[in-house]
Amino acid sequence: MTRPFRFGVVAPLRTDLPTWRDRVRRIADSGYSTLLMPDFPQMQPAPGPMLATVAALTDLRVGTWVYASPLRPAWLTAWEAHSLSLVTEGRSPRS
């Protein structure tokens, strides 16, 4: 069984929040299937809440591009990933 080829975007928050939300909507409307969020502690909000926002605004699959593992205990990263999976009803790139 073949799977469809999908395209994704890494979309860090580099502007104000309303502009970023508009960008997320444009990404979804452009046909992308996945939005990934990097983890830049103290430079932008944590990935989990940002990705939950994406899931609420669009039907995009969501995930993290990278987590800053030296700054996060492994159990906290796992808990955030599990919580994100719950609030997005399983819309993660791996499923």
PDB file of N, CA and C in Angstrom:
ATOM      1  N   MET A   1       0.846  -1.178   0.000  1.00  0.00           N
ATOM      2  CA  MET A   1       0.000   0.000   0.000  1.00  0.00           C
ATOM      3  C   MET A   1       0.893   1.243   0.000  1.00  0.00           C
ATOM      4  N   THR A   2       0.648   2.137  -0.896  1.00  0.00           N
ATOM      5  CA  THR A   2       1.436   3.365  -0.945  1.00  0.00           C
ATOM      6  C   THR A   2       0.745   4.460  -0.146  1.00  0.00           C
ATOM      7  N   ARG A   3       1.558   5.351   0.367  1.00  0.00           N
ATOM      8  CA  ARG A   3       1.033   6.493   1.115  1.00  0.00           C
ATOM      9  C   ARG A   3       1.196   7.742   0.270  1.00  0.00           C
ATOM     10  N   PRO A   4       0.272   8.687   0.388  1.00  0.00           N
ATOM     11  CA  PRO A   4       0.409   9.916  -0.396  1.00  0.00           C
ATOM     12  C   PRO A   4       1.629  10.715   0.050  1.00  0.00           C
ATOM     13  N   PHE A   5       2.222  11.415  -0.888  1.00  0.00           N
ATOM     14  CA  PHE A   5       3.366  12.268  -0.589  1.00  0.00           C
ATOM     15  C   PHE A   5       2.845  13.564   0.013  1.00  0.00           C
ATOM     16  N   ARG A   6       3.372  13.942   1.162  1.00  0.00           N
ATOM     17  CA  ARG A   6       2.901  15.143   1.849  1.00  0.00           C
ATOM     18  C   ARG A   6       4.047  16.121   2.028  1.00  0.00           C
ATOM     19  N   PHE A   7       3.688  17.398   2.093  1.00  0.00           N
ATOM     20  CA  PHE A   7       4.667  18.448   2.308  1.00  0.00           C
ATOM     21  C   PHE A   7       4.387  19.138   3.630  1.00  0.00           C
ATOM     22  N   GLY A   8       5.444  19.531   4.326  1.00  0.00           N
ATOM     23  CA  GLY A   8       5.305  20.225   5.592  1.00  0.00           C
ATOM     24  C   GLY A   8       6.129  21.496   5.622  1.00  0.00           C
ATOM     25  N   VAL A   9       5.893  22.279   6.652  1.00  0.00           N
ATOM     26  CA  VAL A   9       6.559  23.567   6.825  1.00  0.00           C
ATOM     27  C   VAL A   9       7.024  23.684   8.271  1.00  0.00           C
ATOM     28  N   VAL A  10       8.218  24.232   8.474  1.00  0.00           N
ATOM     29  CA  VAL A  10       8.681  24.610   9.808  1.00  0.00           C
ATOM     30  C   VAL A  10       8.351  26.093   9.959  1.00  0.00           C
ATOM     31  N   ALA A  11       7.562  26.423  10.978  1.00  0.00           N
ATOM     32  CA  ALA A  11       7.058  27.797  11.103  1.00  0.00           C
ATOM     33  C   ALA A  11       7.282  28.360  12.505  1.00  0.00           C
ATOM     34  N   PRO A  12       8.488  28.822  12.799  1.00  0.00           N
ATOM     35  CA  PRO A  12       8.723  29.445  14.108  1.00  0.00           C
ATOM     36  C   PRO A  12       7.987  30.779  14.215  1.00  0.00           C
ATOM     37  N   LEU A  13       7.781  31.215  15.428  1.00  0.00           N
ATOM     38  CA  LEU A  13       7.149  32.512  15.681  1.00  0.00           C
ATOM     39  C   LEU A  13       8.240  33.577  15.599  1.00  0.00           C
ATOM     40  N   ARG A  14       8.219  34.362  14.522  1.00  0.00           N
ATOM     41  CA  ARG A  14       9.220  35.414  14.342  1.00  0.00           C
ATOM     42  C   ARG A  14       8.579  36.792  14.242  1.00  0.00           C
ATOM     43  N   THR A  15       7.267  36.836  14.402  1.00  0.00           N
ATOM     44  CA  THR A  15       6.520  38.089  14.295  1.00  0.00           C
ATOM     45  C   THR A  15       5.601  38.186  15.498  1.00  0.00           C
ATOM     46  N   ASP A  16       4.651  39.090  15.434  1.00  0.00           N
ATOM     47  CA  ASP A  16       3.631  39.123  16.476  1.00  0.00           C
ATOM     48  C   ASP A  16       2.672  37.947  16.254  1.00  0.00           C
ATOM     49  N   LEU A  17       1.934  37.588  17.273  1.00  0.00           N
ATOM     50  CA  LEU A  17       1.088  36.404  17.228  1.00  0.00           C
ATOM     51  C   LEU A  17      -0.010  36.481  16.158  1.00  0.00           C
ATOM     52  N   PRO A  18      -0.739  37.600  16.001  1.00  0.00           N
ATOM     53  CA  PRO A  18      -1.764  37.643  14.947  1.00  0.00           C
ATOM     54  C   PRO A  18      -1.183  37.420  13.538  1.00  0.00           C
ATOM     55  N   THR A  19      -0.021  37.957  13.262  1.00  0.00           N
ATOM     56  CA  THR A  19       0.623  37.757  11.959  1.00  0.00           C
ATOM     57  C   THR A  19       1.004  36.301  11.777  1.00  0.00           C
ATOM     58  N   TRP A  20       1.512  35.673  12.831  1.00  0.00           N
ATOM     59  CA  TRP A  20       1.878  34.257  12.770  1.00  0.00           C
ATOM     60  C   TRP A  20       0.640  33.394  12.525  1.00  0.00           C
ATOM     61  N   ARG A  21      -0.467  33.688  13.217  1.00  0.00           N
ATOM     62  CA  ARG A  21      -1.702  32.920  12.998  1.00  0.00           C
ATOM     63  C   ARG A  21      -2.180  33.054  11.553  1.00  0.00           C
ATOM     64  N   ASP A  22      -2.082  34.259  10.988  1.00  0.00           N
ATOM     65  CA  ASP A  22      -2.455  34.453   9.583  1.00  0.00           C
ATOM     66  C   ASP A  22      -1.554  33.621   8.668  1.00  0.00           C
ATOM     67  N   ARG A  23      -0.274  33.564   9.007  1.00  0.00           N
ATOM     68  CA  ARG A  23       0.675  32.758   8.228  1.00  0.00           C
ATOM     69  C   ARG A  23       0.295  31.279   8.290  1.00  0.00           C
ATOM     70  N   VAL A  24      -0.082  30.819   9.468  1.00  0.00           N
ATOM     71  CA  VAL A  24      -0.494  29.418   9.639  1.00  0.00           C
ATOM     72  C   VAL A  24      -1.710  29.124   8.763  1.00  0.00           C
ATOM     73  N   ARG A  25      -2.673  30.019   8.740  1.00  0.00           N
ATOM     74  CA  ARG A  25      -3.857  29.821   7.896  1.00  0.00           C
ATOM     75  C   ARG A  25      -3.478  29.779   6.410  1.00  0.00           C
ATOM     76  N   ARG A  26      -2.554  30.650   5.986  1.00  0.00           N
ATOM     77  CA  ARG A  26      -2.102  30.654   4.590  1.00  0.00           C
ATOM     78  C   ARG A  26      -1.377  29.351   4.249  1.00  0.00           C
ATOM     79  N   ILE A  27      -0.587  28.840   5.187  1.00  0.00           N
ATOM     80  CA  ILE A  27       0.105  27.563   4.989  1.00  0.00           C
ATOM     81  C   ILE A  27      -0.921  26.457   4.767  1.00  0.00           C
ATOM     82  N   ALA A  28      -1.939  26.408   5.593  1.00  0.00           N
ATOM     83  CA  ALA A  28      -2.981  25.386   5.455  1.00  0.00           C
ATOM     84  C   ALA A  28      -3.722  25.537   4.133  1.00  0.00           C
ATOM     85  N   ASP A  29      -4.039  26.759   3.762  1.00  0.00           N
ATOM     86  CA  ASP A  29      -4.768  27.013   2.514  1.00  0.00           C
ATOM     87  C   ASP A  29      -3.927  26.727   1.275  1.00  0.00           C
ATOM     88  N   SER A  30      -2.607  26.692   1.430  1.00  0.00           N
ATOM     89  CA  SER A  30      -1.708  26.454   0.303  1.00  0.00           C
ATOM     90  C   SER A  30      -1.512  24.973  -0.005  1.00  0.00           C
ATOM     91  N   GLY A  31      -2.110  24.098   0.792  1.00  0.00           N
ATOM     92  CA  GLY A  31      -2.041  22.674   0.510  1.00  0.00           C
ATOM     93  C   GLY A  31      -1.018  21.883   1.289  1.00  0.00           C
ATOM     94  N   TYR A  32      -0.297  22.518   2.190  1.00  0.00           N
ATOM     95  CA  TYR A  32       0.640  21.771   3.038  1.00  0.00           C
ATOM     96  C   TYR A  32      -0.151  20.880   3.985  1.00  0.00           C
ATOM     97  N   SER A  33       0.468  19.799   4.408  1.00  0.00           N
ATOM     98  CA  SER A  33      -0.236  18.870   5.284  1.00  0.00           C
ATOM     99  C   SER A  33       0.238  18.919   6.733  1.00  0.00           C
ATOM    100  N   THR A  34       1.456  19.406   6.959  1.00  0.00           N
ATOM    101  CA  THR A  34       2.056  19.342   8.287  1.00  0.00           C
ATOM    102  C   THR A  34       2.742  20.657   8.633  1.00  0.00           C
ATOM    103  N   LEU A  35       2.608  21.065   9.878  1.00  0.00           N
ATOM    104  CA  LEU A  35       3.342  22.224  10.384  1.00  0.00           C
ATOM    105  C   LEU A  35       4.165  21.769  11.575  1.00  0.00           C
ATOM    106  N   LEU A  36       5.450  22.063  11.527  1.00  0.00           N
ATOM    107  CA  LEU A  36       6.372  21.726  12.605  1.00  0.00           C
ATOM    108  C   LEU A  36       6.822  23.000  13.295  1.00  0.00           C
ATOM    109  N   MET A  37       7.048  22.906  14.587  1.00  0.00           N
ATOM    110  CA  MET A  37       7.441  24.062  15.390  1.00  0.00           C
ATOM    111  C   MET A  37       8.736  23.740  16.120  1.00  0.00           C
ATOM    112  N   PRO A  38       9.767  24.582  15.967  1.00  0.00           N
ATOM    113  CA  PRO A  38      11.003  24.353  16.714  1.00  0.00           C
ATOM    114  C   PRO A  38      10.866  24.823  18.167  1.00  0.00           C
ATOM    115  N   ASP A  39      11.777  24.396  18.974  1.00  0.00           N
ATOM    116  CA  ASP A  39      11.802  24.782  20.389  1.00  0.00           C
ATOM    117  C   ASP A  39      12.979  25.731  20.605  1.00  0.00           C
ATOM    118  N   PHE A  40      12.669  27.008  20.758  1.00  0.00           N
ATOM    119  CA  PHE A  40      13.683  28.011  21.059  1.00  0.00           C
ATOM    120  C   PHE A  40      13.345  28.630  22.405  1.00  0.00           C
ATOM    121  N   PRO A  41      13.749  28.001  23.521  1.00  0.00           N
ATOM    122  CA  PRO A  41      13.400  28.543  24.832  1.00  0.00           C
ATOM    123  C   PRO A  41      13.804  30.008  24.985  1.00  0.00           C
ATOM    124  N   GLN A  42      12.935  30.764  25.567  1.00  0.00           N
ATOM    125  CA  GLN A  42      13.096  32.185  25.871  1.00  0.00           C
ATOM    126  C   GLN A  42      13.103  33.068  24.622  1.00  0.00           C
ATOM    127  N   MET A  43      12.955  32.480  23.430  1.00  0.00           N
ATOM    128  CA  MET A  43      12.891  33.284  22.212  1.00  0.00           C
ATOM    129  C   MET A  43      11.495  33.242  21.588  1.00  0.00           C
ATOM    130  N   GLN A  44      10.728  32.207  21.936  1.00  0.00           N
ATOM    131  CA  GLN A  44       9.349  32.084  21.472  1.00  0.00           C
ATOM    132  C   GLN A  44       8.621  31.147  22.429  1.00  0.00           C
ATOM    133  N   PRO A  45       7.293  31.110  22.366  1.00  0.00           N
ATOM    134  CA  PRO A  45       6.549  30.205  23.251  1.00  0.00           C
ATOM    135  C   PRO A  45       6.918  28.741  23.016  1.00  0.00           C
ATOM    136  N   ALA A  46       6.616  27.905  23.983  1.00  0.00           N
ATOM    137  CA  ALA A  46       6.889  26.472  23.878  1.00  0.00           C
ATOM    138  C   ALA A  46       6.108  25.866  22.709  1.00  0.00           C
ATOM    139  N   PRO A  47       6.655  24.814  22.095  1.00  0.00           N
ATOM    140  CA  PRO A  47       5.988  24.218  20.940  1.00  0.00           C
ATOM    141  C   PRO A  47       4.587  23.671  21.221  1.00  0.00           C
ATOM    142  N   GLY A  48       4.384  23.037  22.345  1.00  0.00           N
ATOM    143  CA  GLY A  48       3.089  22.405  22.630  1.00  0.00           C
ATOM    144  C   GLY A  48       1.894  23.344  22.500  1.00  0.00           C
ATOM    145  N   PRO A  49       1.885  24.457  23.225  1.00  0.00           N
ATOM    146  CA  PRO A  49       0.752  25.382  23.101  1.00  0.00           C
ATOM    147  C   PRO A  49       0.627  25.997  21.708  1.00  0.00           C
ATOM    148  N   MET A  50       1.747  26.253  21.063  1.00  0.00           N
ATOM    149  CA  MET A  50       1.695  26.817  19.718  1.00  0.00           C
ATOM    150  C   MET A  50       1.086  25.815  18.735  1.00  0.00           C
ATOM    151  N   LEU A  51       1.473  24.559  18.848  1.00  0.00           N
ATOM    152  CA  LEU A  51       0.937  23.538  17.959  1.00  0.00           C
ATOM    153  C   LEU A  51      -0.531  23.253  18.247  1.00  0.00           C
ATOM    154  N   ALA A  52      -0.932  23.344  19.505  1.00  0.00           N
ATOM    155  CA  ALA A  52      -2.358  23.197  19.832  1.00  0.00           C
ATOM    156  C   ALA A  52      -3.164  24.319  19.179  1.00  0.00           C
ATOM    157  N   THR A  53      -2.594  25.519  19.123  1.00  0.00           N
ATOM    158  CA  THR A  53      -3.238  26.641  18.439  1.00  0.00           C
ATOM    159  C   THR A  53      -3.383  26.337  16.953  1.00  0.00           C
ATOM    160  N   VAL A  54      -2.329  25.811  16.340  1.00  0.00           N
ATOM    161  CA  VAL A  54      -2.377  25.444  14.917  1.00  0.00           C
ATOM    162  C   VAL A  54      -3.495  24.432  14.681  1.00  0.00           C
ATOM    163  N   ALA A  55      -3.576  23.428  15.537  1.00  0.00           N
ATOM    164  CA  ALA A  55      -4.595  22.391  15.382  1.00  0.00           C
ATOM    165  C   ALA A  55      -6.008  22.957  15.535  1.00  0.00           C
ATOM    166  N   ALA A  56      -6.157  23.968  16.381  1.00  0.00           N
ATOM    167  CA  ALA A  56      -7.474  24.588  16.564  1.00  0.00           C
ATOM    168  C   ALA A  56      -7.858  25.452  15.359  1.00  0.00           C
ATOM    169  N   LEU A  57      -6.864  26.041  14.701  1.00  0.00           N
ATOM    170  CA  LEU A  57      -7.127  26.944  13.573  1.00  0.00           C
ATOM    171  C   LEU A  57      -7.275  26.221  12.240  1.00  0.00           C
ATOM    172  N   THR A  58      -6.645  25.059  12.103  1.00  0.00           N
ATOM    173  CA  THR A  58      -6.552  24.398  10.796  1.00  0.00           C
ATOM    174  C   THR A  58      -6.750  22.890  10.956  1.00  0.00           C
ATOM    175  N   ASP A  59      -6.677  22.192   9.839  1.00  0.00           N
ATOM    176  CA  ASP A  59      -6.692  20.727   9.883  1.00  0.00           C
ATOM    177  C   ASP A  59      -5.303  20.148   9.636  1.00  0.00           C
ATOM    178  N   LEU A  60      -4.268  20.985   9.777  1.00  0.00           N
ATOM    179  CA  LEU A  60      -2.890  20.535   9.589  1.00  0.00           C
ATOM    180  C   LEU A  60      -2.490  19.506  10.630  1.00  0.00           C
ATOM    181  N   ARG A  61      -1.635  18.586  10.227  1.00  0.00           N
ATOM    182  CA  ARG A  61      -0.986  17.695  11.182  1.00  0.00           C
ATOM    183  C   ARG A  61       0.106  18.530  11.849  1.00  0.00           C
ATOM    184  N   VAL A  62       0.409  18.267  13.083  1.00  0.00           N
ATOM    185  CA  VAL A  62       1.365  19.092  13.813  1.00  0.00           C
ATOM    186  C   VAL A  62       2.435  18.238  14.471  1.00  0.00           C
ATOM    187  N   GLY A  63       3.589  18.860  14.697  1.00  0.00           N
ATOM    188  CA  GLY A  63       4.675  18.176  15.380  1.00  0.00           C
ATOM    189  C   GLY A  63       5.795  19.143  15.685  1.00  0.00           C
ATOM    190  N   THR A  64       6.753  18.659  16.427  1.00  0.00           N
ATOM    191  CA  THR A  64       7.903  19.496  16.751  1.00  0.00           C
ATOM    192  C   THR A  64       9.013  19.217  15.759  1.00  0.00           C
ATOM    193  N   TRP A  65       9.716  20.253  15.400  1.00  0.00           N
ATOM    194  CA  TRP A  65      10.864  20.103  14.516  1.00  0.00           C
ATOM    195  C   TRP A  65      12.044  19.608  15.346  1.00  0.00           C
ATOM    196  N   VAL A  66      12.187  20.156  16.525  1.00  0.00           N
ATOM    197  CA  VAL A  66      13.247  19.764  17.439  1.00  0.00           C
ATOM    198  C   VAL A  66      12.863  20.246  18.838  1.00  0.00           C
ATOM    199  N   TYR A  67      13.278  19.521  19.840  1.00  0.00           N
ATOM    200  CA  TYR A  67      13.132  19.981  21.229  1.00  0.00           C
ATOM    201  C   TYR A  67      14.513  20.284  21.781  1.00  0.00           C
ATOM    202  N   ALA A  68      14.623  21.302  22.593  1.00  0.00           N
ATOM    203  CA  ALA A  68      15.887  21.663  23.239  1.00  0.00           C
ATOM    204  C   ALA A  68      16.102  20.719  24.422  1.00  0.00           C
ATOM    205  N   SER A  69      16.516  19.509  24.118  1.00  0.00           N
ATOM    206  CA  SER A  69      16.595  18.465  25.145  1.00  0.00           C
ATOM    207  C   SER A  69      17.517  18.783  26.324  1.00  0.00           C
ATOM    208  N   PRO A  70      18.603  19.533  26.160  1.00  0.00           N
ATOM    209  CA  PRO A  70      19.407  19.835  27.339  1.00  0.00           C
ATOM    210  C   PRO A  70      18.670  20.716  28.355  1.00  0.00           C
ATOM    211  N   LEU A  71      17.631  21.391  27.907  1.00  0.00           N
ATOM    212  CA  LEU A  71      16.896  22.298  28.792  1.00  0.00           C
ATOM    213  C   LEU A  71      15.586  21.721  29.308  1.00  0.00           C
ATOM    214  N   ARG A  72      15.243  20.513  28.880  1.00  0.00           N
ATOM    215  CA  ARG A  72      13.978  19.899  29.279  1.00  0.00           C
ATOM    216  C   ARG A  72      14.230  18.487  29.793  1.00  0.00           C
ATOM    217  N   PRO A  73      13.688  18.156  30.935  1.00  0.00           N
ATOM    218  CA  PRO A  73      13.772  16.760  31.376  1.00  0.00           C
ATOM    219  C   PRO A  73      13.000  15.867  30.393  1.00  0.00           C
ATOM    220  N   ALA A  74      13.485  14.655  30.187  1.00  0.00           N
ATOM    221  CA  ALA A  74      12.856  13.744  29.224  1.00  0.00           C
ATOM    222  C   ALA A  74      11.386  13.496  29.552  1.00  0.00           C
ATOM    223  N   TRP A  75      11.049  13.356  30.836  1.00  0.00           N
ATOM    224  CA  TRP A  75       9.659  13.079  31.195  1.00  0.00           C
ATOM    225  C   TRP A  75       8.752  14.250  30.820  1.00  0.00           C
ATOM    226  N   LEU A  76       9.254  15.482  30.906  1.00  0.00           N
ATOM    227  CA  LEU A  76       8.450  16.649  30.567  1.00  0.00           C
ATOM    228  C   LEU A  76       8.205  16.715  29.056  1.00  0.00           C
ATOM    229  N   THR A  77       9.213  16.397  28.282  1.00  0.00           N
ATOM    230  CA  THR A  77       9.053  16.360  26.830  1.00  0.00           C
ATOM    231  C   THR A  77       8.044  15.287  26.438  1.00  0.00           C
ATOM    232  N   ALA A  78       8.142  14.118  27.066  1.00  0.00           N
ATOM    233  CA  ALA A  78       7.195  13.036  26.784  1.00  0.00           C
ATOM    234  C   ALA A  78       5.779  13.435  27.179  1.00  0.00           C
ATOM    235  N   TRP A  79       5.627  14.072  28.322  1.00  0.00           N
ATOM    236  CA  TRP A  79       4.305  14.498  28.773  1.00  0.00           C
ATOM    237  C   TRP A  79       3.715  15.538  27.818  1.00  0.00           C
ATOM    238  N   GLU A  80       4.527  16.489  27.368  1.00  0.00           N
ATOM    239  CA  GLU A  80       4.031  17.503  26.448  1.00  0.00           C
ATOM    240  C   GLU A  80       3.627  16.862  25.119  1.00  0.00           C
ATOM    241  N   ALA A  81       4.413  15.910  24.620  1.00  0.00           N
ATOM    242  CA  ALA A  81       4.080  15.226  23.372  1.00  0.00           C
ATOM    243  C   ALA A  81       2.781  14.437  23.520  1.00  0.00           C
ATOM    244  N   HIS A  82       2.624  13.753  24.639  1.00  0.00           N
ATOM    245  CA  HIS A  82       1.396  12.995  24.897  1.00  0.00           C
ATOM    246  C   HIS A  82       0.198  13.938  24.985  1.00  0.00           C
ATOM    247  N   SER A  83       0.350  15.030  25.703  1.00  0.00           N
ATOM    248  CA  SER A  83      -0.737  16.009  25.838  1.00  0.00           C
ATOM    249  C   SER A  83      -1.114  16.589  24.481  1.00  0.00           C
ATOM    250  N   LEU A  84      -0.120  16.899  23.670  1.00  0.00           N
ATOM    251  CA  LEU A  84      -0.379  17.440  22.339  1.00  0.00           C
ATOM    252  C   LEU A  84      -1.132  16.424  21.485  1.00  0.00           C
ATOM    253  N   SER A  85      -0.760  15.173  21.580  1.00  0.00           N
ATOM    254  CA  SER A  85      -1.460  14.127  20.838  1.00  0.00           C
ATOM    255  C   SER A  85      -2.933  14.052  21.256  1.00  0.00           C
ATOM    256  N   LEU A  86      -3.190  14.205  22.536  1.00  0.00           N
ATOM    257  CA  LEU A  86      -4.571  14.181  23.019  1.00  0.00           C
ATOM    258  C   LEU A  86      -5.378  15.372  22.517  1.00  0.00           C
ATOM    259  N   VAL A  87      -4.852  16.581  22.649  1.00  0.00           N
ATOM    260  CA  VAL A  87      -5.631  17.755  22.297  1.00  0.00           C
ATOM    261  C   VAL A  87      -5.782  17.932  20.789  1.00  0.00           C
ATOM    262  N   THR A  88      -4.917  17.301  19.997  1.00  0.00           N
ATOM    263  CA  THR A  88      -5.043  17.378  18.536  1.00  0.00           C
ATOM    264  C   THR A  88      -5.715  16.134  17.965  1.00  0.00           C
ATOM    265  N   GLU A  89      -6.189  15.268  18.834  1.00  0.00           N
ATOM    266  CA  GLU A  89      -6.842  14.018  18.436  1.00  0.00           C
ATOM    267  C   GLU A  89      -5.950  13.182  17.526  1.00  0.00           C
ATOM    268  N   GLY A  90      -4.663  13.144  17.865  1.00  0.00           N
ATOM    269  CA  GLY A  90      -3.716  12.271  17.171  1.00  0.00           C
ATOM    270  C   GLY A  90      -3.139  12.808  15.884  1.00  0.00           C
ATOM    271  N   ARG A  91      -3.293  14.092  15.607  1.00  0.00           N
ATOM    272  CA  ARG A  91      -2.731  14.632  14.361  1.00  0.00           C
ATOM    273  C   ARG A  91      -1.247  14.906  14.531  1.00  0.00           C
ATOM    274  N   SER A  92      -0.456  13.871  14.441  1.00  0.00           N
ATOM    275  CA  SER A  92       0.997  14.028  14.510  1.00  0.00           C
ATOM    276  C   SER A  92       1.592  13.472  13.229  1.00  0.00           C
ATOM    277  N   PRO A  93       2.764  13.950  12.809  1.00  0.00           N
ATOM    278  CA  PRO A  93       3.349  13.505  11.545  1.00  0.00           C
ATOM    279  C   PRO A  93       3.608  12.004  11.464  1.00  0.00           C
ATOM    280  N   ARG A  94       3.769  11.354  12.576  1.00  0.00           N
ATOM    281  CA  ARG A  94       4.110   9.934  12.524  1.00  0.00           C
ATOM    282  C   ARG A  94       2.898   9.035  12.310  1.00  0.00           C
ATOM    283  N   SER A  95       1.692   9.549  12.556  1.00  0.00           N
ATOM    284  CA  SER A  95       0.517   8.659  12.431  1.00  0.00           C
ATOM    285  C   SER A  95      -0.072   8.692  11.054  1.00  0.00           C
TER     286      SER A  95
END
